[in-house]
Amino acid sequence: MSETQIQDLDRRLTALTQEVNSLKTQIGVVGTTQYAVVQILDRLERVETTQARHSNQLDNLQINVNEILRILRDRNGGSGL
């Protein structure tokens, strides 16, 4: 193998090494981004679950308050006090 061929192979190997390193970096960024997205979606799901539970509790509280007000109105002869 001639010196020129060896230098050509060395340049190609160097270029391939740089491309592989670039791809590794890109894959790392994509992996990190995907992990972050998964974490965000997980947190959003927990927020939605908590919000739904709180909404249900507020609905129940409103029902109870309305029932208490109805009872008080009935006891006061429907005067609205």
PDB file of N, CA and C in Angstrom:
ATOM      1  N   MET A   1       0.858  -1.163   0.000  1.00  0.00           N
ATOM      2  CA  MET A   1       0.000   0.000   0.000  1.00  0.00           C
ATOM      3  C   MET A   1       0.908   1.230   0.000  1.00  0.00           C
ATOM      4  N   SER A   2       0.575   2.183  -0.839  1.00  0.00           N
ATOM      5  CA  SER A   2       1.410   3.374  -0.968  1.00  0.00           C
ATOM      6  C   SER A   2       1.113   4.361   0.163  1.00  0.00           C
ATOM      7  N   GLU A   3       2.024   5.304   0.312  1.00  0.00           N
ATOM      8  CA  GLU A   3       1.877   6.338   1.345  1.00  0.00           C
ATOM      9  C   GLU A   3       0.622   7.177   1.080  1.00  0.00           C
ATOM     10  N   THR A   4       0.317   7.448  -0.175  1.00  0.00           N
ATOM     11  CA  THR A   4      -0.860   8.219  -0.550  1.00  0.00           C
ATOM     12  C   THR A   4      -2.134   7.484  -0.145  1.00  0.00           C
ATOM     13  N   GLN A   5      -2.161   6.180  -0.373  1.00  0.00           N
ATOM     14  CA  GLN A   5      -3.329   5.383  -0.003  1.00  0.00           C
ATOM     15  C   GLN A   5      -3.507   5.353   1.517  1.00  0.00           C
ATOM     16  N   ILE A   6      -2.409   5.249   2.220  1.00  0.00           N
ATOM     17  CA  ILE A   6      -2.461   5.230   3.692  1.00  0.00           C
ATOM     18  C   ILE A   6      -2.994   6.573   4.202  1.00  0.00           C
ATOM     19  N   GLN A   7      -2.512   7.674   3.634  1.00  0.00           N
ATOM     20  CA  GLN A   7      -2.990   9.001   4.041  1.00  0.00           C
ATOM     21  C   GLN A   7      -4.478   9.168   3.722  1.00  0.00           C
ATOM     22  N   ASP A   8      -4.900   8.652   2.564  1.00  0.00           N
ATOM     23  CA  ASP A   8      -6.313   8.720   2.191  1.00  0.00           C
ATOM     24  C   ASP A   8      -7.164   7.930   3.179  1.00  0.00           C
ATOM     25  N   LEU A   9      -6.706   6.734   3.514  1.00  0.00           N
ATOM     26  CA  LEU A   9      -7.430   5.919   4.503  1.00  0.00           C
ATOM     27  C   LEU A   9      -7.467   6.619   5.861  1.00  0.00           C
ATOM     28  N   ASP A  10      -6.361   7.259   6.235  1.00  0.00           N
ATOM     29  CA  ASP A  10      -6.297   7.963   7.514  1.00  0.00           C
ATOM     30  C   ASP A  10      -7.284   9.138   7.521  1.00  0.00           C
ATOM     31  N   ARG A  11      -7.362   9.876   6.407  1.00  0.00           N
ATOM     32  CA  ARG A  11      -8.323  10.984   6.314  1.00  0.00           C
ATOM     33  C   ARG A  11      -9.757  10.465   6.411  1.00  0.00           C
ATOM     34  N   ARG A  12     -10.032   9.381   5.719  1.00  0.00           N
ATOM     35  CA  ARG A  12     -11.373   8.797   5.759  1.00  0.00           C
ATOM     36  C   ARG A  12     -11.715   8.310   7.171  1.00  0.00           C
ATOM     37  N   LEU A  13     -10.746   7.676   7.808  1.00  0.00           N
ATOM     38  CA  LEU A  13     -10.959   7.189   9.175  1.00  0.00           C
ATOM     39  C   LEU A  13     -11.208   8.355  10.125  1.00  0.00           C
ATOM     40  N   THR A  14     -10.460   9.421   9.972  1.00  0.00           N
ATOM     41  CA  THR A  14     -10.645  10.616  10.803  1.00  0.00           C
ATOM     42  C   THR A  14     -12.041  11.213  10.569  1.00  0.00           C
ATOM     43  N   ALA A  15     -12.440  11.297   9.291  1.00  0.00           N
ATOM     44  CA  ALA A  15     -13.764  11.834   8.958  1.00  0.00           C
ATOM     45  C   ALA A  15     -14.864  10.953   9.554  1.00  0.00           C
ATOM     46  N   LEU A  16     -14.707   9.638   9.438  1.00  0.00           N
ATOM     47  CA  LEU A  16     -15.690   8.721  10.014  1.00  0.00           C
ATOM     48  C   LEU A  16     -15.752   8.854  11.528  1.00  0.00           C
ATOM     49  N   THR A  17     -14.606   8.987  12.151  1.00  0.00           N
ATOM     50  CA  THR A  17     -14.554   9.162  13.609  1.00  0.00           C
ATOM     51  C   THR A  17     -15.291  10.436  14.018  1.00  0.00           C
ATOM     52  N   GLN A  18     -15.103  11.510  13.276  1.00  0.00           N
ATOM     53  CA  GLN A  18     -15.794  12.765  13.579  1.00  0.00           C
ATOM     54  C   GLN A  18     -17.298  12.611  13.388  1.00  0.00           C
ATOM     55  N   GLU A  19     -17.700  11.917  12.336  1.00  0.00           N
ATOM     56  CA  GLU A  19     -19.134  11.706  12.091  1.00  0.00           C
ATOM     57  C   GLU A  19     -19.754  10.854  13.196  1.00  0.00           C
ATOM     58  N   VAL A  20     -19.045   9.809  13.614  1.00  0.00           N
ATOM     59  CA  VAL A  20     -19.547   8.948  14.691  1.00  0.00           C
ATOM     60  C   VAL A  20     -19.682   9.752  15.981  1.00  0.00           C
ATOM     61  N   ASN A  21     -18.679  10.558  16.281  1.00  0.00           N
ATOM     62  CA  ASN A  21     -18.744  11.383  17.488  1.00  0.00           C
ATOM     63  C   ASN A  21     -19.899  12.379  17.407  1.00  0.00           C
ATOM     64  N   SER A  22     -20.113  12.945  16.234  1.00  0.00           N
ATOM     65  CA  SER A  22     -21.238  13.872  16.038  1.00  0.00           C
ATOM     66  C   SER A  22     -22.561  13.146  16.243  1.00  0.00           C
ATOM     67  N   LEU A  23     -22.667  11.943  15.680  1.00  0.00           N
ATOM     68  CA  LEU A  23     -23.895  11.157  15.850  1.00  0.00           C
ATOM     69  C   LEU A  23     -24.123  10.787  17.311  1.00  0.00           C
ATOM     70  N   LYS A  24     -23.058  10.451  18.014  1.00  0.00           N
ATOM     71  CA  LYS A  24     -23.184  10.133  19.444  1.00  0.00           C
ATOM     72  C   LYS A  24     -23.735  11.342  20.205  1.00  0.00           C
ATOM     73  N   THR A  25     -23.229  12.511  19.869  1.00  0.00           N
ATOM     74  CA  THR A  25     -23.710  13.734  20.523  1.00  0.00           C
ATOM     75  C   THR A  25     -25.181  13.967  20.205  1.00  0.00           C
ATOM     76  N   GLN A  26     -25.532  13.808  18.928  1.00  0.00           N
ATOM     77  CA  GLN A  26     -26.922  14.009  18.529  1.00  0.00           C
ATOM     78  C   GLN A  26     -27.850  13.004  19.215  1.00  0.00           C
ATOM     79  N   ILE A  27     -27.408  11.755  19.281  1.00  0.00           N
ATOM     80  CA  ILE A  27     -28.213  10.717  19.940  1.00  0.00           C
ATOM     81  C   ILE A  27     -28.369  11.039  21.417  1.00  0.00           C
ATOM     82  N   GLY A  28     -27.287  11.524  22.026  1.00  0.00           N
ATOM     83  CA  GLY A  28     -27.365  11.914  23.434  1.00  0.00           C
ATOM     84  C   GLY A  28     -28.365  13.024  23.653  1.00  0.00           C
ATOM     85  N   VAL A  29     -28.369  14.012  22.754  1.00  0.00           N
ATOM     86  CA  VAL A  29     -29.307  15.131  22.862  1.00  0.00           C
ATOM     87  C   VAL A  29     -30.742  14.631  22.663  1.00  0.00           C
ATOM     88  N   VAL A  30     -30.927  13.784  21.658  1.00  0.00           N
ATOM     89  CA  VAL A  30     -32.269  13.242  21.402  1.00  0.00           C
ATOM     90  C   VAL A  30     -32.735  12.426  22.595  1.00  0.00           C
ATOM     91  N   GLY A  31     -31.854  11.581  23.134  1.00  0.00           N
ATOM     92  CA  GLY A  31     -32.217  10.770  24.298  1.00  0.00           C
ATOM     93  C   GLY A  31     -32.577  11.626  25.493  1.00  0.00           C
ATOM     94  N   THR A  32     -31.791  12.670  25.726  1.00  0.00           N
ATOM     95  CA  THR A  32     -32.060  13.576  26.841  1.00  0.00           C
ATOM     96  C   THR A  32     -33.380  14.298  26.628  1.00  0.00           C
ATOM     97  N   THR A  33     -33.613  14.731  25.404  1.00  0.00           N
ATOM     98  CA  THR A  33     -34.858  15.424  25.085  1.00  0.00           C
ATOM     99  C   THR A  33     -36.058  14.502  25.277  1.00  0.00           C
ATOM    100  N   GLN A  34     -35.936  13.267  24.799  1.00  0.00           N
ATOM    101  CA  GLN A  34     -37.038  12.315  24.961  1.00  0.00           C
ATOM    102  C   GLN A  34     -37.307  12.049  26.435  1.00  0.00           C
ATOM    103  N   TYR A  35     -36.263  11.908  27.226  1.00  0.00           N
ATOM    104  CA  TYR A  35     -36.426  11.680  28.659  1.00  0.00           C
ATOM    105  C   TYR A  35     -37.130  12.865  29.307  1.00  0.00           C
ATOM    106  N   ALA A  36     -36.733  14.076  28.908  1.00  0.00           N
ATOM    107  CA  ALA A  36     -37.368  15.278  29.462  1.00  0.00           C
ATOM    108  C   ALA A  36     -38.843  15.333  29.077  1.00  0.00           C
ATOM    109  N   VAL A  37     -39.156  14.993  27.846  1.00  0.00           N
ATOM    110  CA  VAL A  37     -40.549  14.992  27.391  1.00  0.00           C
ATOM    111  C   VAL A  37     -41.362  13.978  28.187  1.00  0.00           C
ATOM    112  N   VAL A  38     -40.789  12.804  28.411  1.00  0.00           N
ATOM    113  CA  VAL A  38     -41.490  11.773  29.195  1.00  0.00           C
ATOM    114  C   VAL A  38     -41.757  12.286  30.610  1.00  0.00           C
ATOM    115  N   GLN A  39     -40.760  12.938  31.210  1.00  0.00           N
ATOM    116  CA  GLN A  39     -40.959  13.481  32.553  1.00  0.00           C
ATOM    117  C   GLN A  39     -42.052  14.547  32.563  1.00  0.00           C
ATOM    118  N   ILE A  40     -42.053  15.412  31.574  1.00  0.00           N
ATOM    119  CA  ILE A  40     -43.075  16.470  31.495  1.00  0.00           C
ATOM    120  C   ILE A  40     -44.458  15.852  31.339  1.00  0.00           C
ATOM    121  N   LEU A  41     -44.582  14.868  30.448  1.00  0.00           N
ATOM    122  CA  LEU A  41     -45.878  14.224  30.247  1.00  0.00           C
ATOM    123  C   LEU A  41     -46.349  13.510  31.507  1.00  0.00           C
ATOM    124  N   ASP A  42     -45.413  12.884  32.220  1.00  0.00           N
ATOM    125  CA  ASP A  42     -45.764  12.208  33.467  1.00  0.00           C
ATOM    126  C   ASP A  42     -46.273  13.217  34.491  1.00  0.00           C
ATOM    127  N   ARG A  43     -45.591  14.341  34.594  1.00  0.00           N
ATOM    128  CA  ARG A  43     -46.028  15.371  35.543  1.00  0.00           C
ATOM    129  C   ARG A  43     -47.377  15.948  35.151  1.00  0.00           C
ATOM    130  N   LEU A  44     -47.578  16.164  33.849  1.00  0.00           N
ATOM    131  CA  LEU A  44     -48.875  16.670  33.390  1.00  0.00           C
ATOM    132  C   LEU A  44     -49.990  15.692  33.719  1.00  0.00           C
ATOM    133  N   GLU A  45     -49.712  14.407  33.560  1.00  0.00           N
ATOM    134  CA  GLU A  45     -50.721  13.396  33.884  1.00  0.00           C
ATOM    135  C   GLU A  45     -51.061  13.437  35.369  1.00  0.00           C
ATOM    136  N   ARG A  46     -50.029  13.599  36.211  1.00  0.00           N
ATOM    137  CA  ARG A  46     -50.284  13.681  37.652  1.00  0.00           C
ATOM    138  C   ARG A  46     -51.070  14.947  37.995  1.00  0.00           C
ATOM    139  N   VAL A  47     -50.757  16.057  37.317  1.00  0.00           N
ATOM    140  CA  VAL A  47     -51.497  17.304  37.551  1.00  0.00           C
ATOM    141  C   VAL A  47     -52.952  17.128  37.138  1.00  0.00           C
ATOM    142  N   GLU A  48     -53.175  16.503  35.994  1.00  0.00           N
ATOM    143  CA  GLU A  48     -54.547  16.279  35.538  1.00  0.00           C
ATOM    144  C   GLU A  48     -55.314  15.395  36.509  1.00  0.00           C
ATOM    145  N   THR A  49     -54.662  14.359  37.017  1.00  0.00           N
ATOM    146  CA  THR A  49     -55.301  13.468  37.989  1.00  0.00           C
ATOM    147  C   THR A  49     -55.658  14.233  39.260  1.00  0.00           C
ATOM    148  N   THR A  50     -54.710  15.025  39.739  1.00  0.00           N
ATOM    149  CA  THR A  50     -54.945  15.819  40.946  1.00  0.00           C
ATOM    150  C   THR A  50     -56.051  16.844  40.708  1.00  0.00           C
ATOM    151  N   GLN A  51     -56.025  17.480  39.547  1.00  0.00           N
ATOM    152  CA  GLN A  51     -57.051  18.478  39.224  1.00  0.00           C
ATOM    153  C   GLN A  51     -58.428  17.827  39.155  1.00  0.00           C
ATOM    154  N   ALA A  52     -58.514  16.658  38.560  1.00  0.00           N
ATOM    155  CA  ALA A  52     -59.801  15.959  38.472  1.00  0.00           C
ATOM    156  C   ALA A  52     -60.302  15.595  39.870  1.00  0.00           C
ATOM    157  N   ARG A  53     -59.390  15.143  40.734  1.00  0.00           N
ATOM    158  CA  ARG A  53     -59.774  14.788  42.100  1.00  0.00           C
ATOM    159  C   ARG A  53     -60.264  16.029  42.850  1.00  0.00           C
ATOM    160  N   HIS A  54     -59.545  17.142  42.698  1.00  0.00           N
ATOM    161  CA  HIS A  54     -59.954  18.380  43.370  1.00  0.00           C
ATOM    162  C   HIS A  54     -61.282  18.887  42.824  1.00  0.00           C
ATOM    163  N   SER A  55     -61.460  18.778  41.528  1.00  0.00           N
ATOM    164  CA  SER A  55     -62.724  19.196  40.923  1.00  0.00           C
ATOM    165  C   SER A  55     -63.877  18.369  41.481  1.00  0.00           C
ATOM    166  N   ASN A  56     -63.652  17.080  41.619  1.00  0.00           N
ATOM    167  CA  ASN A  56     -64.674  16.197  42.188  1.00  0.00           C
ATOM    168  C   ASN A  56     -64.959  16.577  43.634  1.00  0.00           C
ATOM    169  N   GLN A  57     -63.913  16.883  44.399  1.00  0.00           N
ATOM    170  CA  GLN A  57     -64.101  17.285  45.791  1.00  0.00           C
ATOM    171  C   GLN A  57     -64.876  18.604  45.869  1.00  0.00           C
ATOM    172  N   LEU A  58     -64.560  19.540  44.976  1.00  0.00           N
ATOM    173  CA  LEU A  58     -65.288  20.814  44.967  1.00  0.00           C
ATOM    174  C   LEU A  58     -66.748  20.613  44.597  1.00  0.00           C
ATOM    175  N   ASP A  59     -67.006  19.732  43.643  1.00  0.00           N
ATOM    176  CA  ASP A  59     -68.392  19.436  43.278  1.00  0.00           C
ATOM    177  C   ASP A  59     -69.149  18.867  44.474  1.00  0.00           C
ATOM    178  N   ASN A  60     -68.521  17.945  45.193  1.00  0.00           N
ATOM    179  CA  ASN A  60     -69.153  17.361  46.377  1.00  0.00           C
ATOM    180  C   ASN A  60     -69.370  18.414  47.456  1.00  0.00           C
ATOM    181  N   LEU A  61     -68.396  19.287  47.623  1.00  0.00           N
ATOM    182  CA  LEU A  61     -68.524  20.363  48.603  1.00  0.00           C
ATOM    183  C   LEU A  61     -69.690  21.287  48.237  1.00  0.00           C
ATOM    184  N   GLN A  62     -69.813  21.620  46.971  1.00  0.00           N
ATOM    185  CA  GLN A  62     -70.916  22.479  46.518  1.00  0.00           C
ATOM    186  C   GLN A  62     -72.261  21.809  46.768  1.00  0.00           C
ATOM    187  N   ILE A  63     -72.338  20.519  46.504  1.00  0.00           N
ATOM    188  CA  ILE A  63     -73.573  19.774  46.772  1.00  0.00           C
ATOM    189  C   ILE A  63     -73.911  19.836  48.256  1.00  0.00           C
ATOM    190  N   ASN A  64     -72.886  19.630  49.097  1.00  0.00           N
ATOM    191  CA  ASN A  64     -73.103  19.656  50.548  1.00  0.00           C
ATOM    192  C   ASN A  64     -73.524  21.045  51.023  1.00  0.00           C
ATOM    193  N   VAL A  65     -72.883  22.085  50.499  1.00  0.00           N
ATOM    194  CA  VAL A  65     -73.239  23.453  50.881  1.00  0.00           C
ATOM    195  C   VAL A  65     -74.679  23.751  50.461  1.00  0.00           C
ATOM    196  N   ASN A  66     -75.033  23.361  49.251  1.00  0.00           N
ATOM    197  CA  ASN A  66     -76.406  23.575  48.790  1.00  0.00           C
ATOM    198  C   ASN A  66     -77.417  22.832  49.671  1.00  0.00           C
ATOM    199  N   GLU A  67     -77.072  21.638  50.079  1.00  0.00           N
ATOM    200  CA  GLU A  67     -77.960  20.865  50.958  1.00  0.00           C
ATOM    201  C   GLU A  67     -78.084  21.546  52.324  1.00  0.00           C
ATOM    202  N   ILE A  68     -76.962  22.037  52.849  1.00  0.00           N
ATOM    203  CA  ILE A  68     -76.999  22.750  54.132  1.00  0.00           C
ATOM    204  C   ILE A  68     -77.871  24.000  54.009  1.00  0.00           C
ATOM    205  N   LEU A  69     -77.689  24.755  52.932  1.00  0.00           N
ATOM    206  CA  LEU A  69     -78.506  25.956  52.728  1.00  0.00           C
ATOM    207  C   LEU A  69     -79.993  25.603  52.600  1.00  0.00           C
ATOM    208  N   ARG A  70     -80.307  24.523  51.910  1.00  0.00           N
ATOM    209  CA  ARG A  70     -81.701  24.086  51.772  1.00  0.00           C
ATOM    210  C   ARG A  70     -82.288  23.744  53.142  1.00  0.00           C
ATOM    211  N   ILE A  71     -81.518  23.019  53.940  1.00  0.00           N
ATOM    212  CA  ILE A  71     -81.986  22.651  55.286  1.00  0.00           C
ATOM    213  C   ILE A  71     -82.217  23.902  56.128  1.00  0.00           C
ATOM    214  N   LEU A  72     -81.268  24.851  56.074  1.00  0.00           N
ATOM    215  CA  LEU A  72     -81.425  26.087  56.847  1.00  0.00           C
ATOM    216  C   LEU A  72     -82.649  26.882  56.392  1.00  0.00           C
ATOM    217  N   ARG A  73     -82.892  26.926  55.082  1.00  0.00           N
ATOM    218  CA  ARG A  73     -84.068  27.647  54.569  1.00  0.00           C
ATOM    219  C   ARG A  73     -85.343  26.954  55.058  1.00  0.00           C
ATOM    220  N   ASP A  74     -85.345  25.599  55.022  1.00  0.00           N
ATOM    221  CA  ASP A  74     -86.513  24.859  55.490  1.00  0.00           C
ATOM    222  C   ASP A  74     -86.757  25.127  56.970  1.00  0.00           C
ATOM    223  N   ARG A  75     -85.725  25.196  57.757  1.00  0.00           N
ATOM    224  CA  ARG A  75     -85.869  25.418  59.190  1.00  0.00           C
ATOM    225  C   ARG A  75     -86.354  26.840  59.494  1.00  0.00           C
ATOM    226  N   ASN A  76     -86.021  27.749  58.602  1.00  0.00           N
ATOM    227  CA  ASN A  76     -86.427  29.147  58.793  1.00  0.00           C
ATOM    228  C   ASN A  76     -87.729  29.444  58.076  1.00  0.00           C
ATOM    229  N   GLY A  77     -88.445  28.433  57.710  1.00  0.00           N
ATOM    230  CA  GLY A  77     -89.733  28.620  57.069  1.00  0.00           C
ATOM    231  C   GLY A  77     -89.620  29.122  55.644  1.00  0.00           C
ATOM    232  N   GLY A  78     -88.480  28.858  55.002  1.00  0.00           N
ATOM    233  CA  GLY A  78     -88.300  29.259  53.607  1.00  0.00           C
ATOM    234  C   GLY A  78     -88.113  30.749  53.451  1.00  0.00           C
ATOM    235  N   SER A  79     -87.642  31.420  54.509  1.00  0.00           N
ATOM    236  CA  SER A  79     -87.512  32.882  54.437  1.00  0.00           C
ATOM    237  C   SER A  79     -86.293  33.324  53.655  1.00  0.00           C
ATOM    238  N   GLY A  80     -85.406  32.386  53.307  1.00  0.00           N
ATOM    239  CA  GLY A  80     -84.224  32.764  52.551  1.00  0.00           C
ATOM    240  C   GLY A  80     -83.100  33.272  53.416  1.00  0.00           C
ATOM    241  N   LEU A  81     -83.278  33.229  54.725  1.00  0.00           N
ATOM    242  CA  LEU A  81     -82.211  33.694  55.644  1.00  0.00           C
ATOM    243  C   LEU A  81     -81.116  32.681  55.753  1.00  0.00           C
TER     244      LEU A  81
END
